Amino acid sequence: MKLESDDLSGSLRKNEQDYPFRSERVFNVNGGWFFQTRERCDMGPYESRSEAEIASRHFAAINEKAASTEEDTKKH
């Protein structure tokens, strides 16, 4: 799977300091690249480290959007 890099490199989750990406969450197993979510789920494999990093950013952005939508729904 080839992923294109969106400009998510600076995206942060709520209440986070300036740590947009944690490289220790990306790892290689038998030639495949994976990233680990906060929930300790391994996602992958990807063909390269950079693809796993991009996928990790996409995953975080989607989860943040879902969380903010859920919060907005609860307010109404």
Protein backbone atom coordinates (compact mmCIF):
# COMPACT_ATOMS: atom_id res chain seq x y z
CA MET A 1 0.00 0.00 0.00
CA LYS A 2 1.49 3.32 -1.05
CA LEU A 3 0.52 6.29 1.12
CA GLU A 4 0.83 9.92 0.21
CA SER A 5 1.98 12.32 2.88
CA ASP A 6 -0.64 14.84 3.87
CA ASP A 7 0.49 17.81 5.93
CA LEU A 8 -0.12 16.06 9.24
CA SER A 9 3.45 16.30 10.45
CA GLY A 10 2.55 18.97 12.96
CA SER A 11 -0.72 17.51 14.18
CA LEU A 12 -0.99 17.02 17.92
CA ARG A 13 -3.61 15.35 20.03
CA LYS A 14 -5.42 17.40 22.64
CA ASN A 15 -3.39 18.19 25.76
CA GLU A 16 -0.12 17.12 24.10
CA GLN A 17 3.04 19.11 24.03
CA ASP A 18 5.13 19.42 20.89
CA TYR A 19 5.59 15.69 20.19
CA PRO A 20 3.87 15.23 16.82
CA PHE A 21 5.42 11.84 16.12
CA ARG A 22 6.98 9.21 18.33
CA SER A 23 9.46 7.16 16.33
CA GLU A 24 9.62 4.49 19.04
CA ARG A 25 6.11 3.49 17.99
CA VAL A 26 7.43 2.39 14.56
CA PHE A 27 9.20 -0.94 14.29
CA ASN A 28 10.25 -3.59 11.80
CA VAL A 29 9.27 -7.26 11.95
CA ASN A 30 10.42 -9.70 9.26
CA GLY A 31 10.89 -6.88 6.75
CA GLY A 32 7.49 -5.27 7.34
CA TRP A 33 7.10 -1.90 9.06
CA PHE A 34 4.45 -1.41 11.74
CA PHE A 35 3.34 1.28 14.15
CA GLN A 36 1.79 0.81 17.54
CA THR A 37 -1.25 2.81 18.65
CA ARG A 38 -1.75 4.25 22.12
CA GLU A 39 -4.04 1.31 22.75
CA ARG A 40 -1.07 -1.00 22.03
CA CYS A 41 -2.47 -2.31 18.73
CA ASP A 42 0.10 -3.05 16.03
CA MET A 43 -0.86 -1.67 12.62
CA GLY A 44 0.81 -2.81 9.42
CA PRO A 45 2.75 -4.10 7.67
CA TYR A 46 3.93 -1.23 5.46
CA GLU A 47 6.66 -1.38 2.85
CA SER A 48 8.85 1.27 4.46
CA ARG A 49 9.39 3.10 7.72
CA SER A 50 8.21 6.37 6.17
CA GLU A 51 4.93 4.75 5.06
CA ALA A 52 4.37 3.44 8.60
CA GLU A 53 5.07 6.93 10.00
CA ILE A 54 2.61 8.52 7.55
CA ALA A 55 -0.02 5.90 8.38
CA SER A 56 0.52 6.59 12.08
CA ARG A 57 -0.14 10.29 11.53
CA HIS A 58 -3.28 9.53 9.51
CA PHE A 59 -4.51 7.20 12.24
CA ALA A 60 -3.92 9.84 14.95
CA ALA A 61 -5.65 12.54 12.89
CA ILE A 62 -8.69 10.35 12.23
CA ASN A 63 -8.96 9.43 15.92
CA GLU A 64 -8.66 13.07 16.98
CA LYS A 65 -11.40 14.08 14.54
CA ALA A 66 -13.65 11.27 15.80
CA ALA A 67 -13.02 12.28 19.42
CA SER A 68 -13.82 15.94 18.75
CA THR A 69 -16.98 14.98 16.85
CA GLU A 70 -18.05 12.81 19.78
CA GLU A 71 -17.43 15.68 22.21
CA ASP A 72 -19.46 18.06 20.02
CA THR A 73 -22.34 15.57 19.93
CA LYS A 74 -22.38 15.26 23.72
CA LYS A 75 -22.58 19.07 24.10
CA HIS A 76 -25.83 19.27 22.16
